[in-house]
Amino acid sequence: MSNNIDMATIELNGDKMNFLLSKKDFKTGSRGYHAQGKMMTGGKNYQINILVVEIGSKPKEKV
């Protein structure tokens, strides 16, 4: 059992926020991680979407 936590840190206008990444199998067949949430900086709210796609993880098409 692994205790690793996958997260991404976004820095926007000097403010930083961590987002927890969840494993994801994309509809295309690729694998990776995703996260989403909201972040306030400079008196404004932003919606954050993060996609992390493993290059080469999509299965090769059979000819």
N, C-alpha and C. Protein backbone atom coordinates (compact mmCIF):
# COMPACT_ATOMS: atom_id res chain seq x y z
N MET A 1 0.84 -1.17 0.00
CA MET A 1 0.00 0.00 0.00
C MET A 1 0.89 1.24 0.00
N SER A 2 0.58 2.19 -0.90
CA SER A 2 1.40 3.37 -1.05
C SER A 2 0.79 4.56 -0.31
N ASN A 3 1.62 5.34 0.34
CA ASN A 3 1.16 6.53 1.04
C ASN A 3 1.42 7.79 0.23
N ASN A 4 1.83 7.62 -1.04
CA ASN A 4 2.11 8.78 -1.88
C ASN A 4 0.83 9.53 -2.20
N ILE A 5 0.89 10.85 -2.15
CA ILE A 5 -0.22 11.69 -2.55
C ILE A 5 0.22 12.45 -3.78
N ASP A 6 -0.55 12.33 -4.86
CA ASP A 6 -0.23 13.03 -6.09
C ASP A 6 -0.90 14.39 -6.08
N MET A 7 -0.10 15.46 -6.21
CA MET A 7 -0.70 16.78 -6.23
C MET A 7 0.07 17.70 -7.16
N ALA A 8 -0.64 18.73 -7.62
CA ALA A 8 -0.05 19.75 -8.46
C ALA A 8 -0.21 21.09 -7.74
N THR A 9 0.80 21.93 -7.85
CA THR A 9 0.74 23.26 -7.26
C THR A 9 0.61 24.28 -8.37
N ILE A 10 -0.40 25.13 -8.27
CA ILE A 10 -0.62 26.19 -9.24
C ILE A 10 -0.21 27.50 -8.58
N GLU A 11 0.59 28.30 -9.29
CA GLU A 11 0.94 29.63 -8.81
C GLU A 11 0.36 30.63 -9.79
N LEU A 12 -0.49 31.52 -9.28
CA LEU A 12 -1.16 32.51 -10.10
C LEU A 12 -1.11 33.85 -9.38
N ASN A 13 -0.54 34.84 -10.02
CA ASN A 13 -0.40 36.18 -9.43
C ASN A 13 0.31 36.15 -8.08
N GLY A 14 1.25 35.22 -7.93
CA GLY A 14 2.03 35.13 -6.70
C GLY A 14 1.39 34.28 -5.60
N ASP A 15 0.13 33.89 -5.79
CA ASP A 15 -0.54 33.01 -4.81
C ASP A 15 -0.40 31.57 -5.26
N LYS A 16 -0.17 30.67 -4.31
CA LYS A 16 -0.02 29.24 -4.62
C LYS A 16 -1.15 28.45 -3.98
N MET A 17 -1.57 27.38 -4.68
CA MET A 17 -2.58 26.48 -4.14
C MET A 17 -2.29 25.07 -4.64
N ASN A 18 -2.43 24.09 -3.75
CA ASN A 18 -2.24 22.69 -4.11
C ASN A 18 -3.57 22.06 -4.52
N PHE A 19 -3.53 21.20 -5.53
CA PHE A 19 -4.70 20.47 -5.99
C PHE A 19 -4.37 18.98 -5.98
N LEU A 20 -5.24 18.19 -5.38
CA LEU A 20 -5.07 16.74 -5.30
C LEU A 20 -5.38 16.13 -6.66
N LEU A 21 -4.44 15.35 -7.21
CA LEU A 21 -4.62 14.71 -8.51
C LEU A 21 -5.23 13.32 -8.32
N SER A 22 -6.21 13.00 -9.15
CA SER A 22 -6.84 11.67 -9.14
C SER A 22 -6.45 10.95 -10.43
N LYS A 23 -6.19 9.63 -10.32
CA LYS A 23 -5.89 8.84 -11.51
C LYS A 23 -7.08 8.87 -12.45
N LYS A 24 -6.81 8.88 -13.76
CA LYS A 24 -7.89 8.94 -14.74
C LYS A 24 -7.51 8.14 -15.97
N ASP A 25 -8.48 7.35 -16.46
CA ASP A 25 -8.37 6.69 -17.76
C ASP A 25 -9.24 7.51 -18.71
N PHE A 26 -8.60 8.19 -19.65
CA PHE A 26 -9.32 9.07 -20.57
C PHE A 26 -10.06 8.26 -21.63
N LYS A 27 -11.12 8.85 -22.20
CA LYS A 27 -11.93 8.17 -23.22
C LYS A 27 -11.10 7.77 -24.44
N THR A 28 -10.01 8.49 -24.69
CA THR A 28 -9.14 8.19 -25.83
C THR A 28 -8.32 6.93 -25.62
N GLY A 29 -8.28 6.44 -24.37
CA GLY A 29 -7.46 5.28 -24.03
C GLY A 29 -6.19 5.67 -23.30
N SER A 30 -5.86 6.96 -23.29
CA SER A 30 -4.68 7.43 -22.57
C SER A 30 -4.93 7.37 -21.07
N ARG A 31 -3.83 7.31 -20.31
CA ARG A 31 -3.90 7.31 -18.85
C ARG A 31 -3.25 8.57 -18.31
N GLY A 32 -3.65 8.94 -17.11
CA GLY A 32 -3.02 10.09 -16.49
C GLY A 32 -3.72 10.47 -15.21
N TYR A 33 -3.80 11.77 -14.96
CA TYR A 33 -4.38 12.32 -13.73
C TYR A 33 -5.19 13.56 -14.07
N HIS A 34 -6.10 13.92 -13.18
CA HIS A 34 -6.84 15.16 -13.35
C HIS A 34 -7.19 15.75 -11.98
N ALA A 35 -7.44 17.06 -12.00
CA ALA A 35 -7.87 17.76 -10.78
C ALA A 35 -8.66 18.98 -11.22
N GLN A 36 -9.55 19.41 -10.35
CA GLN A 36 -10.26 20.65 -10.60
C GLN A 36 -10.63 21.28 -9.27
N GLY A 37 -10.82 22.58 -9.31
CA GLY A 37 -11.19 23.30 -8.10
C GLY A 37 -11.26 24.79 -8.38
N LYS A 38 -11.38 25.56 -7.32
CA LYS A 38 -11.45 27.01 -7.44
C LYS A 38 -10.32 27.63 -6.64
N MET A 39 -9.87 28.78 -7.11
CA MET A 39 -8.75 29.46 -6.47
C MET A 39 -9.04 30.96 -6.50
N MET A 40 -8.82 31.62 -5.37
CA MET A 40 -8.98 33.08 -5.33
C MET A 40 -7.61 33.73 -5.31
N THR A 41 -7.44 34.73 -6.15
CA THR A 41 -6.20 35.51 -6.16
C THR A 41 -6.52 36.89 -6.71
N GLY A 42 -5.91 37.88 -6.16
CA GLY A 42 -6.13 39.25 -6.63
C GLY A 42 -7.58 39.69 -6.51
N GLY A 43 -8.31 39.13 -5.54
CA GLY A 43 -9.70 39.50 -5.35
C GLY A 43 -10.65 38.89 -6.36
N LYS A 44 -10.16 37.97 -7.17
CA LYS A 44 -10.99 37.31 -8.18
C LYS A 44 -10.96 35.80 -7.98
N ASN A 45 -12.07 35.14 -8.31
CA ASN A 45 -12.16 33.68 -8.25
C ASN A 45 -11.84 33.10 -9.62
N TYR A 46 -11.11 31.99 -9.64
CA TYR A 46 -10.77 31.29 -10.87
C TYR A 46 -11.13 29.83 -10.73
N GLN A 47 -11.61 29.25 -11.81
CA GLN A 47 -11.83 27.81 -11.85
C GLN A 47 -10.57 27.20 -12.45
N ILE A 48 -10.03 26.18 -11.79
CA ILE A 48 -8.79 25.53 -12.22
C ILE A 48 -9.11 24.11 -12.69
N ASN A 49 -8.65 23.76 -13.87
CA ASN A 49 -8.74 22.39 -14.40
C ASN A 49 -7.34 21.96 -14.78
N ILE A 50 -6.93 20.79 -14.29
CA ILE A 50 -5.59 20.28 -14.55
C ILE A 50 -5.71 18.90 -15.19
N LEU A 51 -5.06 18.71 -16.33
CA LEU A 51 -4.96 17.41 -16.98
C LEU A 51 -3.50 17.04 -17.09
N VAL A 52 -3.17 15.85 -16.66
CA VAL A 52 -1.81 15.32 -16.76
C VAL A 52 -1.93 14.01 -17.53
N VAL A 53 -1.44 14.00 -18.78
CA VAL A 53 -1.60 12.84 -19.65
C VAL A 53 -0.24 12.19 -19.87
N GLU A 54 -0.17 10.89 -19.61
CA GLU A 54 1.06 10.13 -19.83
C GLU A 54 1.29 9.97 -21.33
N ILE A 55 2.37 10.53 -21.83
CA ILE A 55 2.70 10.45 -23.25
C ILE A 55 2.99 9.00 -23.60
N GLY A 56 2.35 8.53 -24.67
CA GLY A 56 2.55 7.16 -25.14
C GLY A 56 1.68 6.14 -24.45
N SER A 57 0.75 6.57 -23.59
CA SER A 57 -0.08 5.61 -22.87
C SER A 57 -1.30 5.15 -23.67
N LYS A 58 -1.61 5.83 -24.74
CA LYS A 58 -2.75 5.45 -25.56
C LYS A 58 -2.41 4.17 -26.34
N PRO A 59 -3.27 3.16 -26.28
CA PRO A 59 -2.98 1.91 -27.01
C PRO A 59 -2.84 2.16 -28.50
N LYS A 60 -1.92 1.45 -29.11
CA LYS A 60 -1.71 1.56 -30.57
C LYS A 60 -2.89 0.96 -31.31
N GLU A 61 -3.30 1.64 -32.39
CA GLU A 61 -4.39 1.12 -33.22
C GLU A 61 -3.90 -0.07 -34.02
N LYS A 62 -4.76 -1.11 -34.08
CA LYS A 62 -4.43 -2.30 -34.88
C LYS A 62 -4.84 -2.04 -36.32
N VAL A 63 -3.97 -2.40 -37.24
CA VAL A 63 -4.24 -2.18 -38.67
C VAL A 63 -4.86 -3.40 -39.28
